[in-house]
Protein backbone atom coordinates (compact mmCIF):
# COMPACT_ATOMS: atom_id res chain seq x y z
CA UNK A 1 -17.78 59.19 37.41
CA UNK A 2 -20.95 60.89 38.71
CA UNK A 3 -22.13 61.33 35.14
CA UNK A 4 -21.57 57.62 34.48
CA UNK A 5 -23.68 56.69 37.52
CA UNK A 6 -26.39 59.15 36.40
CA UNK A 7 -26.47 57.53 32.92
CA UNK A 8 -26.73 53.97 34.47
CA UNK A 9 -29.61 55.17 36.79
CA UNK A 10 -31.30 56.84 33.80
CA UNK A 11 -31.01 53.60 31.85
CA UNK A 12 -32.41 51.60 34.68
CA UNK A 13 -35.29 53.98 35.06
CA UNK A 14 -35.95 53.93 31.30
CA UNK A 15 -36.13 50.16 31.42
CA UNK A 16 -38.59 50.25 34.26
CA UNK A 17 -40.76 52.74 32.43
CA UNK A 18 -40.63 50.66 29.30
CA UNK A 19 -41.58 47.54 31.18
CA UNK A 20 -44.45 49.33 32.82
CA UNK A 21 -45.61 50.71 29.52
CA UNK A 22 -45.40 47.25 27.84
CA UNK A 23 -47.37 45.61 30.63
CA UNK A 24 -50.17 48.08 29.96
CA UNK A 25 -50.08 47.62 26.15
CA UNK A 26 -51.64 44.66 24.45
CA UNK A 27 -48.52 44.04 22.26
CA UNK A 28 -47.19 40.71 21.30
CA UNK A 29 -44.59 39.39 23.83
CA UNK A 30 -42.08 38.81 21.04
CA UNK A 31 -42.37 42.38 19.88
CA UNK A 32 -42.00 43.57 23.47
CA UNK A 33 -38.80 41.54 23.84
CA UNK A 34 -37.32 42.83 20.60
CA UNK A 35 -38.13 46.44 21.67
CA UNK A 36 -36.43 46.01 25.02
CA UNK A 37 -33.26 44.39 23.38
CA UNK A 38 -33.05 47.35 21.04
CA UNK A 39 -33.21 49.82 23.94
CA UNK A 40 -30.67 47.83 25.85
CA UNK A 41 -28.22 47.77 22.91
CA UNK A 42 -28.48 51.49 22.41
CA UNK A 43 -27.88 52.15 26.14
CA UNK A 44 -24.87 49.84 26.11
CA UNK A 45 -23.29 51.72 23.23
CA UNK A 46 -23.82 55.02 24.99
CA UNK A 47 -22.29 53.66 28.23
CA UNK A 48 -19.29 52.23 26.34
CA UNK A 49 -18.68 55.54 24.53
CA UNK A 50 -18.98 57.52 27.77
CA UNK A 51 -16.58 55.11 29.60
CA UNK A 52 -14.01 55.64 26.89
CA UNK A 53 -14.23 59.46 27.12
CA UNK A 54 -13.92 59.27 30.96
CA UNK A 55 -10.94 56.88 30.70
CA UNK A 56 -9.09 59.31 28.51
CA UNK A 57 -9.73 62.18 30.88
CA UNK A 58 -9.10 60.17 34.09
CA UNK A 59 -7.78 56.58 33.55
CA UNK A 60 -7.98 55.79 37.25
CA UNK A 61 -11.75 56.49 37.26
CA UNK A 62 -12.63 53.20 35.51
CA UNK A 63 -9.52 51.16 36.21
CA UNK A 64 -11.69 48.46 37.65
CA UNK A 65 -13.31 47.92 34.25
CA UNK A 66 -10.05 46.92 32.51
CA UNK A 67 -9.97 43.32 31.53
CA UNK A 68 -6.93 41.29 32.56
CA UNK A 69 -5.14 39.46 29.63
CA UNK A 70 -1.91 37.68 28.83
CA UNK A 71 -0.01 38.31 25.64
CA UNK A 72 2.67 36.60 23.57
CA UNK A 73 4.85 38.50 21.10
CA UNK A 74 4.78 37.25 17.56
CA UNK A 75 8.16 36.43 16.13
CA UNK A 76 9.23 34.59 12.86
CA UNK A 77 9.80 30.89 13.21
CA UNK A 78 9.92 27.71 11.17
CA UNK A 79 6.54 26.21 10.12
CA UNK A 80 5.79 22.98 8.42
CA UNK A 81 3.03 22.39 5.82
CA UNK A 82 1.90 18.76 5.76
CA UNK A 83 -0.75 16.32 4.56
CA UNK A 84 -2.25 13.85 6.97
CA UNK A 85 -3.58 10.40 6.11
CA UNK A 86 -4.32 7.12 7.80
CA UNK A 87 -2.33 3.93 7.09
CA UNK A 88 -0.97 0.88 8.74
CA UNK A 89 2.29 -0.74 9.87
CA UNK A 90 3.52 -3.58 7.59
CA UNK A 91 6.36 -5.98 7.78
CA UNK A 92 8.79 -5.78 4.89
CA UNK A 93 9.36 -9.52 5.21
CA UNK A 94 6.03 -11.26 5.80
CA UNK A 95 6.32 -14.58 4.05
CA UNK A 96 3.80 -17.37 3.54
CA UNK A 97 5.91 -20.51 3.08
CA UNK A 98 5.13 -23.74 1.23
CA UNK A 99 6.87 -27.02 0.58
CA UNK A 100 9.10 -27.55 -2.51
CA UNK A 101 8.23 -31.25 -2.73
CA UNK A 102 5.27 -33.54 -2.50
CA UNK A 103 5.03 -35.96 0.40
CA UNK A 104 4.12 -36.81 3.93
CA UNK A 105 5.41 -34.63 6.79
CA UNK A 106 7.55 -36.70 9.12
CA UNK A 107 8.79 -34.00 11.49
CA UNK A 108 7.76 -30.48 12.53
CA UNK A 109 10.54 -28.64 14.33
CA UNK A 110 9.17 -25.10 14.62
CA UNK A 111 6.35 -23.78 16.72
CA UNK A 112 4.29 -20.62 16.69
CA UNK A 113 6.09 -17.72 18.41
CA UNK A 114 9.55 -19.22 18.02
CA UNK A 115 12.42 -17.24 16.53
CA UNK A 116 14.09 -18.88 13.52
CA UNK A 117 17.25 -18.14 11.62
CA UNK A 118 17.54 -18.03 7.80
CA UNK A 119 18.20 -21.58 6.50
CA UNK A 120 16.95 -23.28 9.68
CA UNK A 121 15.04 -26.53 9.01
CA UNK A 122 11.43 -26.07 10.22
CA UNK A 123 9.87 -29.31 8.98
CA UNK A 124 10.83 -32.46 7.12
CA UNK A 125 8.96 -34.23 4.30
CA UNK A 126 9.36 -37.99 3.90
CA UNK A 127 12.70 -38.67 2.10
CA UNK A 128 13.15 -42.33 2.73
CA UNK A 129 13.28 -43.36 -0.94
CA UNK A 130 15.73 -40.52 -1.78
CA UNK A 131 18.10 -41.51 0.97
CA UNK A 132 18.15 -45.07 -0.29
CA UNK A 133 18.90 -43.94 -3.76
CA UNK A 134 21.76 -41.69 -2.41
CA UNK A 135 23.28 -44.69 -0.50
CA UNK A 136 23.08 -46.92 -3.64
CA UNK A 137 24.65 -44.13 -5.83
CA UNK A 138 27.42 -43.60 -3.34
CA UNK A 139 28.47 -47.23 -3.46
CA UNK A 140 28.37 -47.28 -7.31
CA UNK A 141 30.32 -43.98 -7.42
CA UNK A 142 32.95 -45.33 -5.12
CA UNK A 143 33.55 -48.24 -7.55
CA UNK A 144 33.41 -45.91 -10.62
CA UNK A 145 36.05 -43.67 -9.03
CA UNK A 146 38.37 -46.59 -8.38
CA UNK A 147 38.00 -47.77 -11.95
CA UNK A 148 38.60 -44.28 -13.27
CA UNK A 149 41.74 -43.79 -11.14
CA UNK A 150 43.24 -47.04 -12.40
CA UNK A 151 42.35 -46.35 -16.05
CA UNK A 152 43.86 -42.88 -15.73
CA UNK A 153 47.11 -44.25 -14.31
CA UNK A 154 47.31 -46.77 -17.15
CA UNK A 155 46.52 -44.11 -19.73
CA UNK A 156 49.17 -41.84 -18.29
CA UNK A 157 51.61 -44.75 -18.83
CA UNK A 158 50.29 -45.19 -22.40
CA UNK A 159 48.83 -48.56 -21.36
CA UNK A 160 45.38 -49.53 -22.59
CA UNK A 161 43.16 -47.62 -24.96
CA UNK A 162 41.83 -44.10 -24.79
CA UNK A 163 38.24 -45.40 -25.11
CA UNK A 164 38.59 -47.38 -21.87
CA UNK A 165 39.82 -44.30 -20.11
CA UNK A 166 37.01 -42.03 -21.46
CA UNK A 167 34.38 -44.66 -20.61
CA UNK A 168 35.62 -44.80 -17.01
CA UNK A 169 35.72 -41.02 -16.72
CA UNK A 170 32.25 -40.68 -18.24
CA UNK A 171 30.74 -43.27 -15.91
CA UNK A 172 32.24 -41.53 -12.80
CA UNK A 173 31.00 -38.06 -13.82
CA UNK A 174 27.57 -39.35 -14.71
CA UNK A 175 27.19 -40.95 -11.21
CA UNK A 176 28.46 -37.68 -9.53
CA UNK A 177 25.82 -35.68 -11.38
CA UNK A 178 23.11 -38.11 -10.38
CA UNK A 179 24.26 -37.98 -6.75
CA UNK A 180 24.21 -34.21 -6.81
CA UNK A 181 20.70 -34.29 -8.19
CA UNK A 182 19.46 -36.67 -5.52
CA UNK A 183 21.12 -34.46 -2.78
CA UNK A 184 19.22 -31.45 -4.18
CA UNK A 185 16.02 -33.41 -4.17
CA UNK A 186 16.71 -34.44 -0.59
CA UNK A 187 17.25 -30.73 0.38
CA UNK A 188 13.89 -29.85 -1.17
CA UNK A 189 12.23 -32.19 1.36
CA UNK A 190 13.49 -29.93 4.11
CA UNK A 191 11.25 -26.89 4.71
CA UNK A 192 13.71 -24.11 5.63
CA UNK A 193 13.27 -20.56 6.98
CA UNK A 194 13.83 -18.10 4.20
CA UNK A 195 14.55 -15.19 6.59
CA UNK A 196 15.36 -14.45 10.16
CA UNK A 197 12.20 -13.87 11.94
CA UNK A 198 9.39 -15.22 14.11
CA UNK A 199 7.07 -18.10 13.30
CA UNK A 200 3.59 -16.53 13.18
CA UNK A 201 1.52 -19.46 11.77
CA UNK A 202 1.99 -23.26 11.57
CA UNK A 203 -0.42 -24.99 9.14
CA UNK A 204 1.01 -28.50 9.15
CA UNK A 205 1.11 -31.57 11.39
CA UNK A 206 3.11 -34.77 11.30
CA UNK A 207 1.44 -37.30 8.96
CA UNK A 208 -0.26 -34.70 6.67
CA UNK A 209 0.47 -34.52 2.97
CA UNK A 210 1.97 -31.32 1.60
CA UNK A 211 2.54 -30.08 -1.95
CA UNK A 212 4.10 -27.00 -3.58
CA UNK A 213 1.86 -23.96 -3.19
CA UNK A 214 0.17 -25.28 -0.09
CA UNK A 215 0.77 -22.80 2.88
CA UNK A 216 2.67 -24.52 5.74
CA UNK A 217 4.30 -21.65 7.77
CA UNK A 218 4.19 -17.85 7.99
CA UNK A 219 7.37 -16.12 9.13
CA UNK A 220 7.56 -12.44 9.93
CA UNK A 221 10.53 -10.29 10.54
CA UNK A 222 9.17 -7.76 13.14
CA UNK A 223 12.52 -5.78 13.17
CA UNK A 224 12.03 -4.59 9.56
CA UNK A 225 8.77 -2.65 9.40
CA UNK A 226 7.28 0.15 7.35
CA UNK A 227 4.27 2.45 7.45
CA UNK A 228 2.05 2.25 4.37
CA UNK A 229 -0.64 4.72 3.35
CA UNK A 230 -2.38 6.36 0.35
CA UNK A 231 -2.50 10.06 -0.28
CA UNK A 232 -4.77 12.10 -2.57
CA UNK A 233 -3.43 12.80 -6.06
CA UNK A 234 -3.74 16.51 -5.27
CA UNK A 235 -0.36 16.20 -3.53
CA UNK A 236 1.41 14.13 -6.20
CA UNK A 237 3.80 16.97 -7.02
CA UNK A 238 4.34 17.95 -3.42
CA UNK A 239 5.36 14.69 -1.75
CA UNK A 240 8.76 13.30 -2.71
CA UNK A 241 11.05 10.58 -1.44
CA UNK A 242 13.02 11.85 1.57
CA UNK A 243 10.26 14.09 2.97
CA UNK A 244 9.99 14.24 6.74
CA UNK A 245 7.18 12.05 8.13
CA UNK A 246 5.69 11.82 11.61
CA UNK A 247 4.05 8.43 12.11
CA UNK A 248 1.57 8.44 15.09
CA UNK A 249 0.28 5.27 16.71
CA UNK A 250 -3.06 6.35 18.32
CA UNK A 251 -3.61 3.13 20.19
CA UNK A 252 -0.25 3.43 21.94
CA UNK A 253 -0.12 7.29 22.11
CA UNK A 254 3.37 7.23 20.52
CA UNK A 255 4.97 8.98 17.52
CA UNK A 256 7.96 8.23 15.35
CA UNK A 257 9.80 10.65 13.16
CA UNK A 258 11.24 9.14 9.91
CA UNK A 259 11.44 9.80 6.23
CA UNK A 260 9.43 8.82 3.17
CA UNK A 261 11.25 5.89 1.49
CA UNK A 262 8.90 5.22 -1.43
CA UNK A 263 6.42 7.29 -3.42
CA UNK A 264 4.19 5.51 -6.00
CA UNK A 265 3.88 6.89 -9.49
CA UNK A 266 0.54 5.26 -10.33
CA UNK A 267 -2.83 6.87 -9.44
CA UNK A 268 -5.46 4.44 -8.30
CA UNK A 269 -8.44 4.83 -10.68
CA UNK A 270 -11.03 4.21 -7.91
CA UNK A 271 -9.60 6.17 -4.94
CA UNK A 272 -7.74 8.79 -6.94
CA UNK A 273 -4.75 8.33 -4.62
CA UNK A 274 -1.14 7.10 -4.76
CA UNK A 275 0.76 4.94 -2.24
CA UNK A 276 3.77 5.86 -0.12
CA UNK A 277 5.92 4.12 2.44
CA UNK A 278 7.92 5.19 5.43
CA UNK A 279 10.64 2.79 6.78
CA UNK A 280 10.30 2.59 10.54
CA UNK A 281 13.12 2.09 13.00
CA UNK A 282 13.12 -1.14 15.05
CA UNK A 283 11.05 -0.77 18.19
CA UNK A 284 9.61 -3.43 20.58
CA UNK A 285 6.15 -1.80 20.63
CA UNK A 286 5.70 -2.00 16.80
CA UNK A 287 3.56 -4.80 15.39
CA UNK A 288 2.43 -5.58 11.83
CA UNK A 289 -1.06 -4.27 10.84
CA UNK A 290 -1.15 -1.63 13.52
CA UNK A 291 -3.17 1.45 12.68
CA UNK A 292 -0.96 4.55 11.99
CA UNK A 293 -1.57 8.18 11.18
CA UNK A 294 0.99 9.69 8.88
CA UNK A 295 1.83 13.42 8.62
CA UNK A 296 3.93 14.04 5.62
CA UNK A 297 5.73 17.39 5.67
CA UNK A 298 6.07 18.65 2.05
CA UNK A 299 7.10 22.22 2.65
CA UNK A 300 8.84 24.14 5.53
CA UNK A 301 8.47 27.89 5.79
CA UNK A 302 11.70 29.08 7.50
CA UNK A 303 10.32 32.53 8.61
CA UNK A 304 6.60 32.31 9.34
CA UNK A 305 4.47 34.28 11.77
CA UNK A 306 2.57 31.85 13.97
CA UNK A 307 -0.06 32.19 16.71
CA UNK A 308 -1.68 29.54 18.98
CA UNK A 309 -4.49 28.09 16.93
CA UNK A 310 -7.02 28.42 19.78
CA UNK A 311 -6.79 32.25 19.78
CA UNK A 312 -7.95 32.44 16.16
CA UNK A 313 -11.75 33.13 16.26
CA UNK A 314 -14.06 32.62 13.29
CA UNK A 315 -16.54 35.52 13.29
CA UNK A 316 -18.92 36.11 10.38
CA UNK A 317 -16.70 34.22 8.02
CA UNK A 318 -13.53 36.07 9.09
CA UNK A 319 -10.51 34.83 11.00
CA UNK A 320 -10.02 37.25 13.97
CA UNK A 321 -7.31 37.68 16.58
CA UNK A 322 -6.81 40.40 19.19
CA UNK A 323 -3.58 42.14 19.88
CA UNK A 324 -2.61 44.47 22.73
CA UNK A 325 -1.35 47.93 21.76
CA UNK A 326 -0.81 51.35 23.44
CA UNK A 327 -3.44 54.02 22.83
CA UNK A 328 -1.93 57.00 24.50
CA UNK A 329 -1.70 56.22 28.24
CA UNK A 330 -3.88 53.12 28.02
CA UNK A 331 -3.49 49.58 26.74
CA UNK A 332 -6.31 48.57 24.45
CA UNK A 333 -7.30 45.51 22.46
CA UNK A 334 -7.21 45.79 18.68
CA UNK A 335 -9.19 43.48 16.39
CA UNK A 336 -7.12 42.06 13.53
CA UNK A 337 -8.48 40.19 10.53
CA UNK A 338 -5.88 37.53 9.49
CA UNK A 339 -5.36 34.97 6.70
CA UNK A 340 -4.43 31.58 8.04
CA UNK A 341 -2.56 29.40 5.53
CA UNK A 342 -1.87 26.31 7.61
CA UNK A 343 -2.21 24.62 10.99
CA UNK A 344 0.48 22.36 12.53
CA UNK A 345 1.36 21.26 16.08
CA UNK A 346 -1.32 23.62 17.63
CA UNK A 347 0.05 26.62 15.74
CA UNK A 348 -1.59 28.59 12.90
CA UNK A 349 0.51 30.21 10.23
CA UNK A 350 -0.70 33.74 9.52
CA UNK A 351 0.11 35.13 6.07
CA UNK A 352 -1.46 38.58 6.41
CA UNK A 353 -2.92 40.73 9.19
CA UNK A 354 -0.01 40.59 11.63
CA UNK A 355 3.63 41.67 11.78
CA UNK A 356 6.59 40.68 13.84
CA UNK A 357 6.45 42.21 17.29
CA UNK A 358 2.68 42.27 17.61
CA UNK A 359 1.51 41.14 21.03
CA UNK A 360 -1.19 38.55 20.66
CA UNK A 361 -3.70 38.22 23.43
CA UNK A 362 -3.67 34.55 24.45
CA UNK A 363 -5.69 34.66 27.70
CA UNK A 364 -8.83 36.77 28.04
CA UNK A 365 -9.46 37.30 24.36
CA UNK A 366 -12.99 35.85 24.61
CA UNK A 367 -15.61 38.59 24.49
CA UNK A 368 -13.22 41.39 23.75
CA UNK A 369 -14.30 44.36 21.68
CA UNK A 370 -12.07 46.48 19.44
CA UNK A 371 -10.60 49.38 21.43
CA UNK A 372 -11.56 47.89 24.82
CA UNK A 373 -9.30 48.77 27.76
CA UNK A 374 -7.12 45.89 29.02
CA UNK A 375 -4.33 45.35 31.50
CA UNK A 376 -1.56 42.72 31.76
């Protein structure tokens, strides 16, 4: 210990002498600084080497110099490889409705925000003339059926001619077909909900003219949603239907775990990507067109060595971690160069450089040197 103090005193004295010498020399200040740094580095190396020698001879002598650390033992675990992309939430049933007939709107029954059931009448187009035609046909049809019934009874008794019977039958059936056609035309004047859902947009008012192709309502089924995104063609052979997917909603700070339900086969010529979809479970907080971040897991390594991603340091182009190991009677830090093959859920998968059972330093790893004494 005395030799260590003597060395430190000598180094301090050397620095004072150097500073005094530099103050009397007309050297450039930058050169003076570089010279002092060089001297300081050399002295630091000598001090470090001497401390290690003393620690081996008498560990208690420099116990105060040991850096306190925390460690975690590395053990094999499951690790997911994934691709991340941004997409959006879409409604599977998002329907822009139009009228099937031309005419003036006489009633609007649905309002924005209302829930509607499939087949529910949402608006009515003027059908006055069609209803009159139906009433007239019903009267004629009633007479035609009476005539037909009487002719049939007579023909069954072999009374009258077959032509009279066939004419009565044809007239009745013709009127029935015309009545069916008018009823279908009358149904076309009713604008009905095609699905169960919620009315999102109402584009018509009473008294306005409508025609086929003209948007009148938008109905969305918010209970049947999907996440849609595009992924780089580099993953076309990795991602398949059924892959696990984690859909994150950054604006809500929520995540949903689901599965890929559709993978497109066509590569977009401009973006060099392909589409995929993930069916989402029904949830009250989900809305169409919300921003979503998708993590598609395309491979799971069942027995991978993983370390917290924050302990991996990038030094001179190398990935470095420190482990704690016994060096005789002392515990020292060992520098390990590792190969990281993936990062997921704040964990880094290490392919080479570590083995099961290694004790990774997770607290106090900053500023460590290879072989430096540590304590838990």
